[in-house]
N, C-alpha and C. Protein backbone atom coordinates (compact mmCIF):
# COMPACT_ATOMS: atom_id res chain seq x y z
N MET A 1 1.07 -1.07 0.30
CA MET A 1 0.28 -0.17 0.07
C MET A 1 0.96 1.36 0.14
N GLY A 2 2.10 1.29 0.80
CA GLY A 2 2.64 2.29 0.84
C GLY A 2 3.79 2.79 -0.62
N ASP A 3 3.77 1.64 -1.22
CA ASP A 3 4.48 1.95 -2.28
C ASP A 3 3.46 2.35 -3.71
N ALA A 4 2.27 2.21 -3.59
CA ALA A 4 1.38 2.55 -4.35
C ALA A 4 1.36 4.20 -4.20
N LEU A 5 1.07 4.27 -2.78
CA LEU A 5 0.95 6.13 -2.67
C LEU A 5 2.41 6.81 -2.95
N ALA A 6 3.55 6.39 -2.82
CA ALA A 6 4.43 6.74 -3.36
C ALA A 6 4.98 7.08 -4.57
N VAL A 7 4.42 5.74 -5.54
CA VAL A 7 4.24 6.04 -6.93
C VAL A 7 3.07 6.96 -7.43
N GLU A 8 2.06 7.23 -6.76
CA GLU A 8 1.12 7.99 -6.78
C GLU A 8 1.28 9.76 -6.89
N ALA A 9 2.39 10.00 -5.43
CA ALA A 9 3.02 10.79 -5.18
C ALA A 9 4.24 11.27 -6.51
N LEU A 10 5.11 10.31 -6.80
CA LEU A 10 6.02 10.71 -7.69
C LEU A 10 5.50 10.77 -9.19
N LEU A 11 4.34 10.15 -9.41
CA LEU A 11 3.53 10.70 -10.66
C LEU A 11 3.11 12.04 -10.70
N LYS A 12 2.60 12.46 -10.06
CA LYS A 12 2.21 13.66 -9.63
C LYS A 12 2.80 14.51 -9.79
N ARG A 13 3.58 14.40 -8.86
CA ARG A 13 5.29 15.50 -9.08
C ARG A 13 5.91 15.47 -10.51
N ARG A 14 6.00 14.31 -11.16
CA ARG A 14 6.54 14.56 -12.63
C ARG A 14 5.43 15.29 -13.35
N ALA A 15 4.35 14.74 -13.45
CA ALA A 15 3.27 15.66 -14.31
C ALA A 15 3.28 17.31 -13.91
N LYS A 16 3.75 17.79 -12.70
CA LYS A 16 3.70 18.83 -12.74
C LYS A 16 5.15 19.58 -13.19
N LEU A 17 6.01 18.90 -13.06
CA LEU A 17 7.38 19.01 -13.45
C LEU A 17 7.35 19.13 -14.80
N ALA A 18 6.95 18.18 -15.49
CA ALA A 18 6.62 18.12 -17.34
C ALA A 18 5.99 19.66 -17.67
N LYS A 19 4.80 19.71 -16.83
CA LYS A 19 4.06 20.93 -17.41
C LYS A 19 5.17 22.00 -17.28
N GLN A 20 5.76 22.57 -16.05
CA GLN A 20 6.66 23.39 -15.92
C GLN A 20 7.36 23.61 -16.87
N VAL A 21 8.58 22.37 -17.68
CA VAL A 21 9.54 22.37 -18.35
C VAL A 21 8.77 22.54 -19.68
N GLN A 22 7.24 22.33 -20.17
CA GLN A 22 6.56 22.61 -21.26
C GLN A 22 6.45 24.17 -21.68
N GLY A 23 6.28 24.54 -20.56
CA GLY A 23 6.05 26.16 -20.10
C GLY A 23 7.15 26.62 -20.42
N LEU A 24 8.51 26.39 -20.05
CA LEU A 24 9.69 27.38 -20.42
C LEU A 24 9.84 26.85 -21.65
N GLN A 25 9.55 25.55 -22.36
CA GLN A 25 10.37 25.85 -23.76
C GLN A 25 9.48 26.26 -24.63
N SER A 26 7.98 26.40 -24.55
CA SER A 26 7.29 27.43 -25.02
C SER A 26 7.55 28.83 -24.96
N ALA A 27 7.93 29.26 -23.81
CA ALA A 27 8.63 30.69 -23.61
C ALA A 27 10.09 31.00 -24.32
N ILE A 28 10.68 29.92 -24.21
CA ILE A 28 12.15 29.95 -25.06
C ILE A 28 11.31 29.89 -26.48
N PHE A 29 10.44 29.34 -27.16
CA PHE A 29 10.51 29.44 -28.45
C PHE A 29 9.99 30.83 -28.92
N HIS A 30 9.24 31.41 -28.07
CA HIS A 30 8.78 32.66 -28.46
C HIS A 30 9.49 33.79 -28.48
N ILE A 31 10.47 33.90 -27.17
CA ILE A 31 11.80 34.42 -27.17
C ILE A 31 12.66 34.40 -28.43
N ASP A 32 12.69 33.07 -29.08
CA ASP A 32 13.80 33.09 -30.28
C ASP A 32 12.87 33.31 -31.13
N ALA A 33 11.41 33.11 -31.43
CA ALA A 33 10.83 33.85 -32.46
C ALA A 33 11.04 35.14 -32.93
N CYS A 34 10.92 36.08 -31.62
CA CYS A 34 11.10 37.58 -31.49
C CYS A 34 12.10 37.77 -31.67
N LEU A 35 13.36 37.08 -31.19
CA LEU A 35 15.03 37.31 -31.83
C LEU A 35 15.03 37.10 -33.20
N ALA A 36 14.21 36.32 -33.78
CA ALA A 36 14.34 36.15 -35.48
C ALA A 36 13.98 37.25 -36.05
N LEU A 37 12.80 38.06 -35.33
CA LEU A 37 11.78 38.91 -36.06
C LEU A 37 12.89 40.31 -35.80
N LEU A 38 13.80 40.38 -34.91
CA LEU A 38 14.66 41.56 -35.15
C LEU A 38 15.91 41.03 -35.47
N ARG A 39 15.68 39.79 -36.55
CA ARG A 39 16.94 39.70 -37.83
C ARG A 39 18.29 39.54 -36.75
N TYR A 40 17.90 38.72 -35.53
CA TYR A 40 19.33 38.28 -34.73
C TYR A 40 19.53 37.01 -35.14
N LYS A 41 20.72 36.65 -35.54
CA LYS A 41 21.13 35.16 -35.85
C LYS A 41 22.59 35.12 -35.32
N PRO A 42 22.51 34.04 -34.46
CA PRO A 42 23.68 33.49 -33.30
C PRO A 42 24.47 33.07 -34.00
N ASP A 43 25.87 33.23 -33.85
CA ASP A 43 26.82 32.36 -34.51
C ASP A 43 26.62 30.46 -34.24
N ALA A 44 26.49 30.07 -35.27
CA ALA A 44 25.85 28.77 -34.97
C ALA A 44 27.07 27.88 -34.64
N ARG A 45 28.25 28.16 -35.16
CA ARG A 45 29.49 27.59 -34.18
C ARG A 45 29.60 27.34 -32.92
N VAL A 46 29.35 28.92 -32.61
CA VAL A 46 29.45 29.04 -30.86
C VAL A 46 27.92 28.20 -30.06
N GLU A 47 27.20 28.47 -30.83
CA GLU A 47 25.53 28.05 -30.14
C GLU A 47 25.51 26.51 -30.24
N ARG A 48 25.32 26.18 -28.75
CA ARG A 48 25.09 24.59 -28.99
C ARG A 48 23.56 24.04 -28.47
N ARG A 49 23.01 23.40 -29.41
CA ARG A 49 21.70 22.93 -29.37
C ARG A 49 21.43 22.34 -28.20
N PHE A 50 21.97 21.54 -28.03
CA PHE A 50 21.98 20.46 -26.99
C PHE A 50 22.66 20.27 -25.33
N ALA A 51 22.44 20.04 -24.58
CA ALA A 51 23.34 19.72 -23.47
C ALA A 51 23.83 18.26 -23.60
N ASN A 52 24.91 17.95 -22.75
CA ASN A 52 25.27 16.66 -22.91
C ASN A 52 23.99 15.72 -22.65
N GLY A 53 23.86 14.39 -23.11
CA GLY A 53 22.95 13.83 -22.89
C GLY A 53 21.38 13.96 -23.18
N GLU A 54 21.16 15.09 -23.68
CA GLU A 54 19.90 15.59 -24.11
C GLU A 54 19.30 15.12 -25.19
N LEU A 55 19.89 15.13 -26.05
CA LEU A 55 19.36 14.50 -27.58
C LEU A 55 19.19 13.25 -27.28
N ILE A 56 19.72 12.51 -26.96
CA ILE A 56 19.71 10.73 -26.85
C ILE A 56 18.34 10.62 -26.03
N ALA A 57 18.31 11.85 -24.74
CA ALA A 57 17.11 11.40 -23.84
C ALA A 57 15.78 11.90 -24.83
N LEU A 58 16.09 12.86 -25.43
CA LEU A 58 14.75 13.37 -26.11
C LEU A 58 14.49 12.27 -27.50
N VAL A 59 15.11 11.68 -28.11
CA VAL A 59 15.00 10.44 -28.94
C VAL A 59 14.37 9.22 -28.22
N GLY A 60 14.76 8.92 -26.69
CA GLY A 60 14.52 7.71 -25.90
C GLY A 60 12.45 8.65 -25.70
N GLU A 61 12.52 9.81 -25.53
CA GLU A 61 11.23 9.93 -25.40
C GLU A 61 10.19 10.23 -26.67
N ALA A 62 10.84 10.66 -27.74
CA ALA A 62 10.03 10.52 -29.03
C ALA A 62 9.53 8.97 -29.35
N VAL A 63 10.63 7.85 -29.09
CA VAL A 63 9.98 6.52 -29.43
C VAL A 63 9.42 6.09 -28.49
N ARG A 64 9.28 6.61 -27.54
CA ARG A 64 8.29 6.11 -26.40
C ARG A 64 6.98 6.43 -26.63
N ALA A 65 7.15 7.85 -27.04
CA ALA A 65 5.94 8.95 -27.47
C ALA A 65 4.95 7.56 -28.68
N GLY A 66 5.91 6.91 -29.42
CA GLY A 66 5.22 6.46 -30.73
C GLY A 66 5.81 6.72 -31.59
N ASN A 67 6.70 7.79 -31.94
CA ASN A 67 7.27 7.89 -32.88
C ASN A 67 8.61 7.39 -33.56
N HIS A 68 8.25 6.69 -34.71
CA HIS A 68 9.22 5.31 -35.14
C HIS A 68 10.20 5.49 -36.48
N THR A 69 9.54 6.65 -36.98
CA THR A 69 10.28 7.11 -38.27
C THR A 69 11.33 8.37 -38.07
N PRO A 70 12.37 8.13 -38.65
CA PRO A 70 13.26 9.58 -38.37
C PRO A 70 12.49 10.88 -38.81
N THR A 71 11.79 11.13 -39.35
CA THR A 71 11.06 12.46 -39.75
C THR A 71 10.61 13.00 -38.61
N ALA A 72 9.55 11.51 -38.20
CA ALA A 72 8.95 12.28 -36.78
C ALA A 72 9.40 12.02 -35.66
N ILE A 73 10.74 11.28 -35.29
CA ILE A 73 11.91 11.76 -34.42
C ILE A 73 12.37 12.89 -34.18
N VAL A 74 12.99 13.65 -35.82
CA VAL A 74 13.51 14.80 -35.51
C VAL A 74 12.01 15.84 -35.16
N ARG A 75 11.04 15.93 -35.88
CA ARG A 75 9.62 16.91 -35.56
C ARG A 75 9.55 16.77 -34.00
N TYR A 76 9.70 15.65 -33.29
CA TYR A 76 9.57 15.79 -31.98
C TYR A 76 10.44 16.35 -31.07
N THR A 77 11.83 15.60 -31.71
CA THR A 77 12.99 16.60 -30.87
C THR A 77 13.02 18.11 -30.92
N THR A 78 12.78 18.63 -32.20
CA THR A 78 12.67 20.05 -32.32
C THR A 78 11.38 20.48 -31.96
N ALA A 79 10.52 19.97 -31.54
CA ALA A 79 9.07 20.76 -31.38
C ALA A 79 9.21 20.60 -29.49
N ALA A 80 10.14 19.41 -28.99
CA ALA A 80 10.33 19.64 -27.31
C ALA A 80 11.53 20.61 -26.85
N SER A 81 12.23 20.90 -27.86
CA SER A 81 13.33 21.59 -27.79
C SER A 81 13.36 23.22 -27.64
N GLY A 82 12.40 23.12 -28.22
CA GLY A 82 11.91 24.91 -28.46
C GLY A 82 12.48 25.58 -29.93
N LEU A 83 12.95 24.34 -30.82
CA LEU A 83 13.77 24.81 -32.15
C LEU A 83 12.73 25.28 -33.50
N ASP A 84 13.27 25.36 -34.52
CA ASP A 84 12.65 26.03 -35.51
C ASP A 84 12.08 24.48 -36.35
N PRO A 85 11.20 24.17 -36.11
CA PRO A 85 10.87 22.83 -37.11
C PRO A 85 10.85 23.12 -38.34
N ASN A 86 11.00 24.02 -39.21
CA ASN A 86 11.15 24.20 -40.90
C ASN A 86 12.46 24.32 -40.71
N ASP A 87 13.60 24.74 -39.97
CA ASP A 87 14.59 24.93 -40.64
C ASP A 87 15.19 23.55 -40.88
N ARG A 88 15.34 23.70 -42.20
CA ARG A 88 16.07 22.44 -43.19
C ARG A 88 17.35 21.79 -43.06
N LYS A 89 18.11 22.98 -42.71
CA LYS A 89 19.61 22.63 -42.14
C LYS A 89 19.49 21.80 -40.90
N LEU A 90 18.68 22.63 -40.12
CA LEU A 90 18.86 21.72 -38.55
C LEU A 90 18.25 20.62 -38.82
N ALA A 91 17.14 20.15 -39.59
CA ALA A 91 16.46 19.03 -39.60
C ALA A 91 17.59 17.89 -40.22
N ALA A 92 18.44 18.29 -41.06
CA ALA A 92 19.66 17.41 -41.66
C ALA A 92 20.38 16.96 -40.91
N ARG A 93 20.83 18.20 -40.08
CA ARG A 93 21.75 17.77 -38.85
C ARG A 93 21.32 17.19 -37.60
N LEU A 94 19.94 17.34 -37.33
CA LEU A 94 19.30 16.31 -36.30
C LEU A 94 19.51 14.92 -36.94
N MET A 95 18.73 14.76 -38.24
CA MET A 95 18.52 13.26 -38.83
C MET A 95 19.77 12.62 -38.69
N PHE A 96 20.85 13.15 -39.01
CA PHE A 96 22.12 12.58 -38.69
C PHE A 96 22.71 12.34 -37.16
N SER A 97 22.51 13.25 -36.08
CA SER A 97 22.72 12.85 -34.80
C SER A 97 21.69 12.06 -34.14
N MET A 98 20.62 12.21 -34.84
CA MET A 98 19.43 11.16 -34.01
C MET A 98 19.68 9.72 -34.36
N LYS A 99 20.08 9.45 -36.03
CA LYS A 99 20.51 8.20 -36.32
C LYS A 99 21.19 7.53 -35.41
N ASP A 100 22.30 8.25 -34.78
CA ASP A 100 23.84 8.08 -34.33
C ASP A 100 23.35 7.77 -32.73
N CYS A 101 22.35 8.63 -32.15
CA CYS A 101 21.53 8.29 -31.17
C CYS A 101 20.73 6.95 -31.12
N LEU A 102 20.15 6.62 -32.11
CA LEU A 102 19.48 5.67 -31.95
C LEU A 102 19.84 4.30 -32.08
N LYS A 103 21.36 4.14 -32.82
CA LYS A 103 22.39 3.60 -32.97
C LYS A 103 22.92 3.15 -31.44
N ARG A 104 23.31 3.94 -30.85
CA ARG A 104 23.76 4.34 -29.54
C ARG A 104 22.59 3.25 -28.36
N ARG A 105 21.57 4.30 -28.43
CA ARG A 105 20.13 3.47 -27.82
C ARG A 105 20.35 1.70 -28.03
N ASN A 106 20.03 1.62 -29.13
CA ASN A 106 19.85 0.09 -29.85
C ASN A 106 21.30 -1.10 -29.09
N ALA A 107 22.43 -0.39 -29.24
CA ALA A 107 23.31 -0.91 -28.51
C ALA A 107 23.33 -1.09 -26.76
N ASN A 108 22.69 -0.26 -26.40
CA ASN A 108 23.09 -0.29 -25.17
C ASN A 108 21.65 -0.99 -24.50
N GLY A 109 20.71 -1.17 -25.48
CA GLY A 109 19.52 -2.35 -25.42
C GLY A 109 18.40 -1.70 -24.51
N ALA A 110 18.33 -0.59 -24.85
CA ALA A 110 17.42 0.40 -24.57
C ALA A 110 16.37 0.10 -25.22
């Protein structure tokens, strides 16, 4: 009985945190859109798109959410990270990185 209560409490906390993360990602997306309207273009060589381990975690989330095609996984990762889903250059780079992440996940038995 105690385990069930603990699991329920953890699931509620997880849902609350996920909602906060989604709100933050939405805010970042809107700020990026405003920067784009102001024609701000960051130096692509300096800007890092994902933190260490973030992309492989997003790829895992995408697969668990039912996205099994490479295009669907890229769409999911761009939406989840607040990046521009219409950026073809970014999508191509993510496709390459995503395939590597899938290989590593499969090798680790995930």
